[in-house]
Amino acid sequence: MLGTVGLAVLFLLGYVVLDVLGLAARNQAAEVLWRRPLLAERRQRNRGLMKCGTGAALLAAVAGLIWLAAATSGHQEDADDARVLGVVTAALALIAAGLLATWWRRSGAARHY
């Protein structure tokens, strides 16, 4: 009986300790999250990078669709075009990813006035 009570007290203390640690971690994470700017604020910063990255992503999507059409056409004369379009699609996708990642990092940085 005494062992059961001791085990119950031990579990209760463990629960309290884990609850306190969990609340501290949650509060710290919430504080870090609130220090970041909202998406609406991010969109207002470095708009040129965002627009260029979005444009490059759209161009990559169009080039990808044309590449898909050339690659699946079944005509041998379209094989070279498909290779070129594949390279163009990959290059545009990498450019878009780089521009959008740069925009995301720069727009989230704290402003120093």
PDB file of N, CA and C in Angstrom:
ATOM      1  N   MET A   1       0.822  -1.187   0.000  1.00  0.00           N
ATOM      2  CA  MET A   1       0.000   0.000   0.000  1.00  0.00           C
ATOM      3  C   MET A   1       0.867   1.251   0.000  1.00  0.00           C
ATOM      4  N   LEU A   2       1.929   1.242   0.827  1.00  0.00           N
ATOM      5  CA  LEU A   2       2.806   2.399   0.924  1.00  0.00           C
ATOM      6  C   LEU A   2       3.574   2.607  -0.390  1.00  0.00           C
ATOM      7  N   GLY A   3       3.939   1.510  -1.044  1.00  0.00           N
ATOM      8  CA  GLY A   3       4.624   1.590  -2.338  1.00  0.00           C
ATOM      9  C   GLY A   3       3.736   2.187  -3.409  1.00  0.00           C
ATOM     10  N   THR A   4       2.456   1.872  -3.368  1.00  0.00           N
ATOM     11  CA  THR A   4       1.513   2.413  -4.345  1.00  0.00           C
ATOM     12  C   THR A   4       1.330   3.902  -4.144  1.00  0.00           C
ATOM     13  N   VAL A   5       1.228   4.337  -2.912  1.00  0.00           N
ATOM     14  CA  VAL A   5       1.089   5.770  -2.611  1.00  0.00           C
ATOM     15  C   VAL A   5       2.362   6.505  -3.035  1.00  0.00           C
ATOM     16  N   GLY A   6       3.505   5.938  -2.737  1.00  0.00           N
ATOM     17  CA  GLY A   6       4.772   6.554  -3.141  1.00  0.00           C
ATOM     18  C   GLY A   6       4.890   6.664  -4.650  1.00  0.00           C
ATOM     19  N   LEU A   7       4.452   5.632  -5.350  1.00  0.00           N
ATOM     20  CA  LEU A   7       4.486   5.658  -6.818  1.00  0.00           C
ATOM     21  C   LEU A   7       3.525   6.710  -7.362  1.00  0.00           C
ATOM     22  N   ALA A   8       2.353   6.844  -6.738  1.00  0.00           N
ATOM     23  CA  ALA A   8       1.391   7.856  -7.165  1.00  0.00           C
ATOM     24  C   ALA A   8       1.946   9.260  -6.950  1.00  0.00           C
ATOM     25  N   VAL A   9       2.604   9.483  -5.820  1.00  0.00           N
ATOM     26  CA  VAL A   9       3.210  10.790  -5.537  1.00  0.00           C
ATOM     27  C   VAL A   9       4.330  11.074  -6.538  1.00  0.00           C
ATOM     28  N   LEU A  10       5.118  10.065  -6.844  1.00  0.00           N
ATOM     29  CA  LEU A  10       6.197  10.224  -7.818  1.00  0.00           C
ATOM     30  C   LEU A  10       5.650  10.590  -9.193  1.00  0.00           C
ATOM     31  N   PHE A  11       4.580   9.922  -9.623  1.00  0.00           N
ATOM     32  CA  PHE A  11       3.952  10.253 -10.899  1.00  0.00           C
ATOM     33  C   PHE A  11       3.364  11.658 -10.890  1.00  0.00           C
ATOM     34  N   LEU A  12       2.772  12.061  -9.776  1.00  0.00           N
ATOM     35  CA  LEU A  12       2.211  13.402  -9.668  1.00  0.00           C
ATOM     36  C   LEU A  12       3.310  14.452  -9.758  1.00  0.00           C
ATOM     37  N   LEU A  13       4.423  14.242  -9.063  1.00  0.00           N
ATOM     38  CA  LEU A  13       5.550  15.180  -9.153  1.00  0.00           C
ATOM     39  C   LEU A  13       6.123  15.231 -10.573  1.00  0.00           C
ATOM     40  N   GLY A  14       6.221  14.069 -11.210  1.00  0.00           N
ATOM     41  CA  GLY A  14       6.693  14.037 -12.594  1.00  0.00           C
ATOM     42  C   GLY A  14       5.768  14.796 -13.519  1.00  0.00           C
ATOM     43  N   TYR A  15       4.474  14.657 -13.311  1.00  0.00           N
ATOM     44  CA  TYR A  15       3.497  15.378 -14.114  1.00  0.00           C
ATOM     45  C   TYR A  15       3.639  16.885 -13.923  1.00  0.00           C
ATOM     46  N   VAL A  16       3.788  17.322 -12.673  1.00  0.00           N
ATOM     47  CA  VAL A  16       3.924  18.752 -12.387  1.00  0.00           C
ATOM     48  C   VAL A  16       5.192  19.311 -13.031  1.00  0.00           C
ATOM     49  N   VAL A  17       6.291  18.588 -12.909  1.00  0.00           N
ATOM     50  CA  VAL A  17       7.551  19.049 -13.506  1.00  0.00           C
ATOM     51  C   VAL A  17       7.421  19.134 -15.024  1.00  0.00           C
ATOM     52  N   LEU A  18       6.862  18.112 -15.648  1.00  0.00           N
ATOM     53  CA  LEU A  18       6.693  18.138 -17.110  1.00  0.00           C
ATOM     54  C   LEU A  18       5.726  19.233 -17.538  1.00  0.00           C
ATOM     55  N   ASP A  19       4.703  19.489 -16.752  1.00  0.00           N
ATOM     56  CA  ASP A  19       3.750  20.543 -17.084  1.00  0.00           C
ATOM     57  C   ASP A  19       4.420  21.908 -17.012  1.00  0.00           C
ATOM     58  N   VAL A  20       5.213  22.146 -15.988  1.00  0.00           N
ATOM     59  CA  VAL A  20       5.918  23.426 -15.855  1.00  0.00           C
ATOM     60  C   VAL A  20       6.914  23.599 -16.999  1.00  0.00           C
ATOM     61  N   LEU A  21       7.660  22.556 -17.322  1.00  0.00           N
ATOM     62  CA  LEU A  21       8.612  22.643 -18.437  1.00  0.00           C
ATOM     63  C   LEU A  21       7.895  22.857 -19.765  1.00  0.00           C
ATOM     64  N   GLY A  22       6.771  22.186 -19.945  1.00  0.00           N
ATOM     65  CA  GLY A  22       6.006  22.361 -21.179  1.00  0.00           C
ATOM     66  C   GLY A  22       5.463  23.761 -21.321  1.00  0.00           C
ATOM     67  N   LEU A  23       4.964  24.332 -20.244  1.00  0.00           N
ATOM     68  CA  LEU A  23       4.457  25.709 -20.292  1.00  0.00           C
ATOM     69  C   LEU A  23       5.583  26.696 -20.600  1.00  0.00           C
ATOM     70  N   ALA A  24       6.745  26.480 -20.018  1.00  0.00           N
ATOM     71  CA  ALA A  24       7.880  27.358 -20.285  1.00  0.00           C
ATOM     72  C   ALA A  24       8.294  27.273 -21.747  1.00  0.00           C
ATOM     73  N   ALA A  25       8.337  26.064 -22.285  1.00  0.00           N
ATOM     74  CA  ALA A  25       8.703  25.899 -23.700  1.00  0.00           C
ATOM     75  C   ALA A  25       7.656  26.527 -24.607  1.00  0.00           C
ATOM     76  N   ARG A  26       6.385  26.349 -24.274  1.00  0.00           N
ATOM     77  CA  ARG A  26       5.317  26.925 -25.086  1.00  0.00           C
ATOM     78  C   ARG A  26       5.359  28.445 -25.059  1.00  0.00           C
ATOM     79  N   ASN A  27       5.598  29.020 -23.877  1.00  0.00           N
ATOM     80  CA  ASN A  27       5.665  30.474 -23.773  1.00  0.00           C
ATOM     81  C   ASN A  27       6.850  31.038 -24.539  1.00  0.00           C
ATOM     82  N   GLN A  28       7.967  30.349 -24.495  1.00  0.00           N
ATOM     83  CA  GLN A  28       9.140  30.820 -25.231  1.00  0.00           C
ATOM     84  C   GLN A  28       8.902  30.726 -26.737  1.00  0.00           C
ATOM     85  N   ALA A  29       8.282  29.646 -27.187  1.00  0.00           N
ATOM     86  CA  ALA A  29       7.987  29.500 -28.614  1.00  0.00           C
ATOM     87  C   ALA A  29       6.989  30.559 -29.068  1.00  0.00           C
ATOM     88  N   ALA A  30       5.996  30.845 -28.249  1.00  0.00           N
ATOM     89  CA  ALA A  30       5.019  31.877 -28.605  1.00  0.00           C
ATOM     90  C   ALA A  30       5.682  33.247 -28.680  1.00  0.00           C
ATOM     91  N   GLU A  31       6.611  33.509 -27.763  1.00  0.00           N
ATOM     92  CA  GLU A  31       7.308  34.792 -27.785  1.00  0.00           C
ATOM     93  C   GLU A  31       8.155  34.947 -29.048  1.00  0.00           C
ATOM     94  N   VAL A  32       8.837  33.884 -29.447  1.00  0.00           N
ATOM     95  CA  VAL A  32       9.636  33.922 -30.677  1.00  0.00           C
ATOM     96  C   VAL A  32       8.733  34.114 -31.887  1.00  0.00           C
ATOM     97  N   LEU A  33       7.599  33.451 -31.892  1.00  0.00           N
ATOM     98  CA  LEU A  33       6.669  33.557 -33.015  1.00  0.00           C
ATOM     99  C   LEU A  33       6.112  34.968 -33.135  1.00  0.00           C
ATOM    100  N   TRP A  34       5.808  35.607 -32.048  1.00  0.00           N
ATOM    101  CA  TRP A  34       5.231  36.949 -32.094  1.00  0.00           C
ATOM    102  C   TRP A  34       6.254  37.994 -32.475  1.00  0.00           C
ATOM    103  N   ARG A  35       7.540  37.696 -32.338  1.00  0.00           N
ATOM    104  CA  ARG A  35       8.571  38.645 -32.764  1.00  0.00           C
ATOM    105  C   ARG A  35       8.713  38.676 -34.274  1.00  0.00           C
ATOM    106  N   ARG A  36       8.256  37.621 -34.950  1.00  0.00           N
ATOM    107  CA  ARG A  36       8.351  37.583 -36.412  1.00  0.00           C
ATOM    108  C   ARG A  36       7.251  38.437 -37.025  1.00  0.00           C
ATOM    109  N   PRO A  37       7.549  39.058 -38.165  1.00  0.00           N
ATOM    110  CA  PRO A  37       6.504  39.858 -38.806  1.00  0.00           C
ATOM    111  C   PRO A  37       5.445  38.969 -39.454  1.00  0.00           C
ATOM    112  N   LEU A  38       4.257  39.479 -39.556  1.00  0.00           N
ATOM    113  CA  LEU A  38       3.175  38.756 -40.198  1.00  0.00           C
ATOM    114  C   LEU A  38       3.402  38.711 -41.703  1.00  0.00           C
ATOM    115  N   LEU A  39       2.674  37.823 -42.384  1.00  0.00           N
ATOM    116  CA  LEU A  39       2.840  37.681 -43.823  1.00  0.00           C
ATOM    117  C   LEU A  39       2.480  38.970 -44.550  1.00  0.00           C
ATOM    118  N   ALA A  40       1.462  39.678 -44.073  1.00  0.00           N
ATOM    119  CA  ALA A  40       1.092  40.943 -44.709  1.00  0.00           C
ATOM    120  C   ALA A  40       2.228  41.959 -44.614  1.00  0.00           C
ATOM    121  N   GLU A  41       2.928  41.974 -43.486  1.00  0.00           N
ATOM    122  CA  GLU A  41       4.082  42.864 -43.355  1.00  0.00           C
ATOM    123  C   GLU A  41       5.215  42.427 -44.273  1.00  0.00           C
ATOM    124  N   ARG A  42       5.422  41.124 -44.376  1.00  0.00           N
ATOM    125  CA  ARG A  42       6.490  40.617 -45.231  1.00  0.00           C
ATOM    126  C   ARG A  42       6.241  40.976 -46.691  1.00  0.00           C
ATOM    127  N   ARG A  43       4.984  40.918 -47.110  1.00  0.00           N
ATOM    128  CA  ARG A  43       4.681  41.219 -48.512  1.00  0.00           C
ATOM    129  C   ARG A  43       4.971  42.677 -48.845  1.00  0.00           C
ATOM    130  N   GLN A  44       4.927  43.559 -47.875  1.00  0.00           N
ATOM    131  CA  GLN A  44       5.185  44.970 -48.117  1.00  0.00           C
ATOM    132  C   GLN A  44       6.675  45.276 -48.235  1.00  0.00           C
ATOM    133  N   ARG A  45       7.505  44.375 -47.778  1.00  0.00           N
ATOM    134  CA  ARG A  45       8.951  44.600 -47.809  1.00  0.00           C
ATOM    135  C   ARG A  45       9.564  43.889 -49.012  1.00  0.00           C
ATOM    136  N   ASN A  46      10.534  44.540 -49.647  1.00  0.00           N
ATOM    137  CA  ASN A  46      11.291  43.955 -50.764  1.00  0.00           C
ATOM    138  C   ASN A  46      10.358  43.382 -51.831  1.00  0.00           C
ATOM    139  N   ARG A  47       9.429  44.190 -52.279  1.00  0.00           N
ATOM    140  CA  ARG A  47       8.432  43.721 -53.241  1.00  0.00           C
ATOM    141  C   ARG A  47       9.062  43.324 -54.578  1.00  0.00           C
ATOM    142  N   GLY A  48      10.154  43.962 -54.947  1.00  0.00           N
ATOM    143  CA  GLY A  48      10.804  43.619 -56.205  1.00  0.00           C
ATOM    144  C   GLY A  48      11.290  42.179 -56.229  1.00  0.00           C
ATOM    145  N   LEU A  49      11.893  41.745 -55.130  1.00  0.00           N
ATOM    146  CA  LEU A  49      12.348  40.359 -55.044  1.00  0.00           C
ATOM    147  C   LEU A  49      11.173  39.394 -55.110  1.00  0.00           C
ATOM    148  N   MET A  50      10.094  39.732 -54.421  1.00  0.00           N
ATOM    149  CA  MET A  50       8.931  38.859 -54.407  1.00  0.00           C
ATOM    150  C   MET A  50       8.314  38.749 -55.803  1.00  0.00           C
ATOM    151  N   LYS A  51       8.193  39.886 -56.487  1.00  0.00           N
ATOM    152  CA  LYS A  51       7.592  39.875 -57.821  1.00  0.00           C
ATOM    153  C   LYS A  51       8.470  39.133 -58.823  1.00  0.00           C
ATOM    154  N   CYS A  52       9.772  39.338 -58.760  1.00  0.00           N
ATOM    155  CA  CYS A  52      10.680  38.633 -59.676  1.00  0.00           C
ATOM    156  C   CYS A  52      10.673  37.133 -59.404  1.00  0.00           C
ATOM    157  N   GLY A  53      10.654  36.745 -58.137  1.00  0.00           N
ATOM    158  CA  GLY A  53      10.604  35.333 -57.791  1.00  0.00           C
ATOM    159  C   GLY A  53       9.308  34.678 -58.244  1.00  0.00           C
ATOM    160  N   THR A  54       8.198  35.380 -58.066  1.00  0.00           N
ATOM    161  CA  THR A  54       6.913  34.850 -58.514  1.00  0.00           C
ATOM    162  C   THR A  54       6.863  34.750 -60.033  1.00  0.00           C
ATOM    163  N   GLY A  55       7.394  35.755 -60.706  1.00  0.00           N
ATOM    164  CA  GLY A  55       7.437  35.716 -62.171  1.00  0.00           C
ATOM    165  C   GLY A  55       8.298  34.569 -62.681  1.00  0.00           C
ATOM    166  N   ALA A  56       9.434  34.360 -62.045  1.00  0.00           N
ATOM    167  CA  ALA A  56      10.300  33.251 -62.445  1.00  0.00           C
ATOM    168  C   ALA A  56       9.621  31.907 -62.187  1.00  0.00           C
ATOM    169  N   ALA A  57       8.862  31.812 -61.095  1.00  0.00           N
ATOM    170  CA  ALA A  57       8.139  30.568 -60.814  1.00  0.00           C
ATOM    171  C   ALA A  57       7.055  30.317 -61.860  1.00  0.00           C
ATOM    172  N   LEU A  58       6.366  31.361 -62.272  1.00  0.00           N
ATOM    173  CA  LEU A  58       5.349  31.202 -63.317  1.00  0.00           C
ATOM    174  C   LEU A  58       5.979  30.816 -64.649  1.00  0.00           C
ATOM    175  N   LEU A  59       7.105  31.440 -64.984  1.00  0.00           N
ATOM    176  CA  LEU A  59       7.805  31.075 -66.219  1.00  0.00           C
ATOM    177  C   LEU A  59       8.300  29.630 -66.159  1.00  0.00           C
ATOM    178  N   ALA A  60       8.756  29.208 -64.998  1.00  0.00           N
ATOM    179  CA  ALA A  60       9.195  27.815 -64.842  1.00  0.00           C
ATOM    180  C   ALA A  60       8.030  26.861 -65.028  1.00  0.00           C
ATOM    181  N   ALA A  61       6.857  27.237 -64.532  1.00  0.00           N
ATOM    182  CA  ALA A  61       5.680  26.383 -64.689  1.00  0.00           C
ATOM    183  C   ALA A  61       5.273  26.280 -66.161  1.00  0.00           C
ATOM    184  N   VAL A  62       5.303  27.391 -66.875  1.00  0.00           N
ATOM    185  CA  VAL A  62       4.957  27.365 -68.307  1.00  0.00           C
ATOM    186  C   VAL A  62       5.989  26.550 -69.086  1.00  0.00           C
ATOM    187  N   ALA A  63       7.282  26.784 -68.791  1.00  0.00           N
ATOM    188  CA  ALA A  63       8.331  26.014 -69.475  1.00  0.00           C
ATOM    189  C   ALA A  63       8.202  24.533 -69.135  1.00  0.00           C
ATOM    190  N   GLY A  64       7.809  24.222 -67.916  1.00  0.00           N
ATOM    191  CA  GLY A  64       7.613  22.831 -67.525  1.00  0.00           C
ATOM    192  C   GLY A  64       6.466  22.172 -68.282  1.00  0.00           C
ATOM    193  N   LEU A  65       5.392  22.912 -68.497  1.00  0.00           N
ATOM    194  CA  LEU A  65       4.280  22.362 -69.274  1.00  0.00           C
ATOM    195  C   LEU A  65       4.686  22.114 -70.726  1.00  0.00           C
ATOM    196  N   ILE A  66       5.427  23.061 -71.303  1.00  0.00           N
ATOM    197  CA  ILE A  66       5.891  22.881 -72.683  1.00  0.00           C
ATOM    198  C   ILE A  66       6.883  21.722 -72.758  1.00  0.00           C
ATOM    199  N   TRP A  67       7.763  21.612 -71.752  1.00  0.00           N
ATOM    200  CA  TRP A  67       8.695  20.488 -71.699  1.00  0.00           C
ATOM    201  C   TRP A  67       7.945  19.164 -71.624  1.00  0.00           C
ATOM    202  N   LEU A  68       6.901  19.114 -70.799  1.00  0.00           N
ATOM    203  CA  LEU A  68       6.118  17.896 -70.675  1.00  0.00           C
ATOM    204  C   LEU A  68       5.467  17.522 -72.006  1.00  0.00           C
ATOM    205  N   ALA A  69       4.961  18.522 -72.710  1.00  0.00           N
ATOM    206  CA  ALA A  69       4.341  18.254 -74.013  1.00  0.00           C
ATOM    207  C   ALA A  69       5.377  17.743 -75.003  1.00  0.00           C
ATOM    208  N   ALA A  70       6.571  18.352 -75.012  1.00  0.00           N
ATOM    209  CA  ALA A  70       7.615  17.918 -75.949  1.00  0.00           C
ATOM    210  C   ALA A  70       8.150  16.539 -75.583  1.00  0.00           C
ATOM    211  N   ALA A  71       8.266  16.274 -74.281  1.00  0.00           N
ATOM    212  CA  ALA A  71       8.838  14.995 -73.848  1.00  0.00           C
ATOM    213  C   ALA A  71       7.886  13.832 -74.087  1.00  0.00           C
ATOM    214  N   THR A  72       6.596  14.086 -74.063  1.00  0.00           N
ATOM    215  CA  THR A  72       5.626  13.003 -74.221  1.00  0.00           C
ATOM    216  C   THR A  72       4.977  12.963 -75.595  1.00  0.00           C
ATOM    217  N   SER A  73       5.516  13.737 -76.545  1.00  0.00           N
ATOM    218  CA  SER A  73       4.894  13.787 -77.871  1.00  0.00           C
ATOM    219  C   SER A  73       5.128  12.508 -78.667  1.00  0.00           C
ATOM    220  N   GLY A  74       6.229  11.833 -78.402  1.00  0.00           N
ATOM    221  CA  GLY A  74       6.523  10.605 -79.119  1.00  0.00           C
ATOM    222  C   GLY A  74       7.291  10.826 -80.417  1.00  0.00           C
ATOM    223  N   HIS A  75       7.522  12.073 -80.794  1.00  0.00           N
ATOM    224  CA  HIS A  75       8.284  12.365 -82.012  1.00  0.00           C
ATOM    225  C   HIS A  75       9.759  12.495 -81.676  1.00  0.00           C
ATOM    226  N   GLN A  76      10.596  11.866 -82.472  1.00  0.00           N
ATOM    227  CA  GLN A  76      12.032  11.881 -82.233  1.00  0.00           C
ATOM    228  C   GLN A  76      12.623  13.273 -82.407  1.00  0.00           C
ATOM    229  N   GLU A  77      12.063  14.077 -83.302  1.00  0.00           N
ATOM    230  CA  GLU A  77      12.605  15.420 -83.540  1.00  0.00           C
ATOM    231  C   GLU A  77      12.340  16.366 -82.363  1.00  0.00           C
ATOM    232  N   ASP A  78      11.444  16.002 -81.469  1.00  0.00           N
ATOM    233  CA  ASP A  78      11.166  16.831 -80.294  1.00  0.00           C
ATOM    234  C   ASP A  78      12.067  16.487 -79.114  1.00  0.00           C
ATOM    235  N   ALA A  79      12.907  15.471 -79.221  1.00  0.00           N
ATOM    236  CA  ALA A  79      13.744  15.031 -78.094  1.00  0.00           C
ATOM    237  C   ALA A  79      14.761  16.102 -77.706  1.00  0.00           C
ATOM    238  N   ASP A  80      15.403  16.738 -78.696  1.00  0.00           N
ATOM    239  CA  ASP A  80      16.367  17.794 -78.378  1.00  0.00           C
ATOM    240  C   ASP A  80      15.679  18.992 -77.736  1.00  0.00           C
ATOM    241  N   ASP A  81      14.508  19.335 -78.254  1.00  0.00           N
ATOM    242  CA  ASP A  81      13.748  20.440 -77.668  1.00  0.00           C
ATOM    243  C   ASP A  81      13.355  20.120 -76.228  1.00  0.00           C
ATOM    244  N   ALA A  82      13.011  18.882 -75.972  1.00  0.00           N
ATOM    245  CA  ALA A  82      12.619  18.484 -74.622  1.00  0.00           C
ATOM    246  C   ALA A  82      13.798  18.607 -73.658  1.00  0.00           C
ATOM    247  N   ARG A  83      14.996  18.243 -74.104  1.00  0.00           N
ATOM    248  CA  ARG A  83      16.168  18.373 -73.248  1.00  0.00           C
ATOM    249  C   ARG A  83      16.442  19.833 -72.922  1.00  0.00           C
ATOM    250  N   VAL A  84      16.381  20.679 -73.925  1.00  0.00           N
ATOM    251  CA  VAL A  84      16.630  22.112 -73.712  1.00  0.00           C
ATOM    252  C   VAL A  84      15.570  22.694 -72.776  1.00  0.00           C
ATOM    253  N   LEU A  85      14.325  22.347 -73.011  1.00  0.00           N
ATOM    254  CA  LEU A  85      13.254  22.860 -72.161  1.00  0.00           C
ATOM    255  C   LEU A  85      13.367  22.333 -70.727  1.00  0.00           C
ATOM    256  N   GLY A  86      13.864  21.127 -70.570  1.00  0.00           N
ATOM    257  CA  GLY A  86      14.090  20.598 -69.229  1.00  0.00           C
ATOM    258  C   GLY A  86      15.142  21.402 -68.482  1.00  0.00           C
ATOM    259  N   VAL A  87      16.216  21.764 -69.167  1.00  0.00           N
ATOM    260  CA  VAL A  87      17.269  22.574 -68.559  1.00  0.00           C
ATOM    261  C   VAL A  87      16.739  23.971 -68.227  1.00  0.00           C
ATOM    262  N   VAL A  88      15.977  24.556 -69.139  1.00  0.00           N
ATOM    263  CA  VAL A  88      15.403  25.881 -68.911  1.00  0.00           C
ATOM    264  C   VAL A  88      14.441  25.849 -67.722  1.00  0.00           C
ATOM    265  N   THR A  89      13.624  24.816 -67.646  1.00  0.00           N
ATOM    266  CA  THR A  89      12.686  24.683 -66.534  1.00  0.00           C
ATOM    267  C   THR A  89      13.429  24.578 -65.210  1.00  0.00           C
ATOM    268  N   ALA A  90      14.463  23.752 -65.165  1.00  0.00           N
ATOM    269  CA  ALA A  90      15.238  23.586 -63.931  1.00  0.00           C
ATOM    270  C   ALA A  90      15.926  24.893 -63.538  1.00  0.00           C
ATOM    271  N   ALA A  91      16.485  25.591 -64.529  1.00  0.00           N
ATOM    272  CA  ALA A  91      17.168  26.853 -64.236  1.00  0.00           C
ATOM    273  C   ALA A  91      16.179  27.896 -63.706  1.00  0.00           C
ATOM    274  N   LEU A  92      15.031  28.010 -64.340  1.00  0.00           N
ATOM    275  CA  LEU A  92      14.037  28.973 -63.873  1.00  0.00           C
ATOM    276  C   LEU A  92      13.505  28.612 -62.488  1.00  0.00           C
ATOM    277  N   ALA A  93      13.348  27.342 -62.222  1.00  0.00           N
ATOM    278  CA  ALA A  93      12.880  26.917 -60.898  1.00  0.00           C
ATOM    279  C   ALA A  93      13.922  27.244 -59.825  1.00  0.00           C
ATOM    280  N   LEU A  94      15.193  27.039 -60.121  1.00  0.00           N
ATOM    281  CA  LEU A  94      16.251  27.377 -59.162  1.00  0.00           C
ATOM    282  C   LEU A  94      16.332  28.882 -58.937  1.00  0.00           C
ATOM    283  N   ILE A  95      16.200  29.656 -60.006  1.00  0.00           N
ATOM    284  CA  ILE A  95      16.208  31.115 -59.873  1.00  0.00           C
ATOM    285  C   ILE A  95      15.028  31.568 -59.027  1.00  0.00           C
ATOM    286  N   ALA A  96      13.849  31.018 -59.295  1.00  0.00           N
ATOM    287  CA  ALA A  96      12.656  31.388 -58.529  1.00  0.00           C
ATOM    288  C   ALA A  96      12.831  31.027 -57.054  1.00  0.00           C
ATOM    289  N   ALA A  97      13.348  29.849 -56.781  1.00  0.00           N
ATOM    290  CA  ALA A  97      13.552  29.442 -55.393  1.00  0.00           C
ATOM    291  C   ALA A  97      14.556  30.348 -54.699  1.00  0.00           C
ATOM    292  N   GLY A  98      15.616  30.702 -55.380  1.00  0.00           N
ATOM    293  CA  GLY A  98      16.614  31.592 -54.796  1.00  0.00           C
ATOM    294  C   GLY A  98      16.065  32.980 -54.521  1.00  0.00           C
ATOM    295  N   LEU A  99      15.327  33.532 -55.468  1.00  0.00           N
ATOM    296  CA  LEU A  99      14.748  34.865 -55.279  1.00  0.00           C
ATOM    297  C   LEU A  99      13.718  34.877 -54.157  1.00  0.00           C
ATOM    298  N   LEU A 100      12.853  33.869 -54.127  1.00  0.00           N
ATOM    299  CA  LEU A 100      11.831  33.836 -53.084  1.00  0.00           C
ATOM    300  C   LEU A 100      12.431  33.569 -51.709  1.00  0.00           C
ATOM    301  N   ALA A 101      13.467  32.739 -51.644  1.00  0.00           N
ATOM    302  CA  ALA A 101      14.126  32.497 -50.352  1.00  0.00           C
ATOM    303  C   ALA A 101      14.827  33.763 -49.863  1.00  0.00           C
ATOM    304  N   THR A 102      15.459  34.487 -50.782  1.00  0.00           N
ATOM    305  CA  THR A 102      16.106  35.742 -50.412  1.00  0.00           C
ATOM    306  C   THR A 102      15.077  36.751 -49.945  1.00  0.00           C
ATOM    307  N   TRP A 103      13.966  36.849 -50.646  1.00  0.00           N
ATOM    308  CA  TRP A 103      12.893  37.758 -50.230  1.00  0.00           C
ATOM    309  C   TRP A 103      12.386  37.388 -48.841  1.00  0.00           C
ATOM    310  N   TRP A 104      12.171  36.102 -48.594  1.00  0.00           N
ATOM    311  CA  TRP A 104      11.636  35.654 -47.306  1.00  0.00           C
ATOM    312  C   TRP A 104      12.586  36.007 -46.164  1.00  0.00           C
ATOM    313  N   ARG A 105      13.880  35.798 -46.388  1.00  0.00           N
ATOM    314  CA  ARG A 105      14.858  36.096 -45.334  1.00  0.00           C
ATOM    315  C   ARG A 105      14.978  37.596 -45.099  1.00  0.00           C
ATOM    316  N   ARG A 106      15.036  38.369 -46.172  1.00  0.00           N
ATOM    317  CA  ARG A 106      15.197  39.809 -46.016  1.00  0.00           C
ATOM    318  C   ARG A 106      13.953  40.475 -45.465  1.00  0.00           C
ATOM    319  N   SER A 107      12.787  39.983 -45.829  1.00  0.00           N
ATOM    320  CA  SER A 107      11.564  40.621 -45.350  1.00  0.00           C
ATOM    321  C   SER A 107      11.274  40.250 -43.903  1.00  0.00           C
ATOM    322  N   GLY A 108      11.867  39.200 -43.397  1.00  0.00           N
ATOM    323  CA  GLY A 108      11.649  38.815 -42.009  1.00  0.00           C
ATOM    324  C   GLY A 108      12.673  39.404 -41.061  1.00  0.00           C
ATOM    325  N   ALA A 109      13.711  40.029 -41.612  1.00  0.00           N
ATOM    326  CA  ALA A 109      14.740  40.605 -40.763  1.00  0.00           C
ATOM    327  C   ALA A 109      14.193  41.849 -40.054  1.00  0.00           C
ATOM    328  N   ALA A 110      14.703  42.076 -38.870  1.00  0.00           N
ATOM    329  CA  ALA A 110      14.260  43.254 -38.108  1.00  0.00           C
ATOM    330  C   ALA A 110      14.728  44.525 -38.818  1.00  0.00           C
ATOM    331  N   ARG A 111      13.878  45.504 -38.791  1.00  0.00           N
ATOM    332  CA  ARG A 111      14.223  46.788 -39.411  1.00  0.00           C
ATOM    333  C   ARG A 111      14.986  47.636 -38.407  1.00  0.00           C
ATOM    334  N   HIS A 112      16.052  48.241 -38.875  1.00  0.00           N
ATOM    335  CA  HIS A 112      16.842  49.146 -38.039  1.00  0.00           C
ATOM    336  C   HIS A 112      16.652  50.550 -38.574  1.00  0.00           C
ATOM    337  N   TYR A 113      16.024  51.381 -37.776  1.00  0.00           N
ATOM    338  CA  TYR A 113      15.729  52.743 -38.240  1.00  0.00           C
ATOM    339  C   TYR A 113      16.787  53.700 -37.804  1.00  0.00           C
TER     340      TYR A 113
END
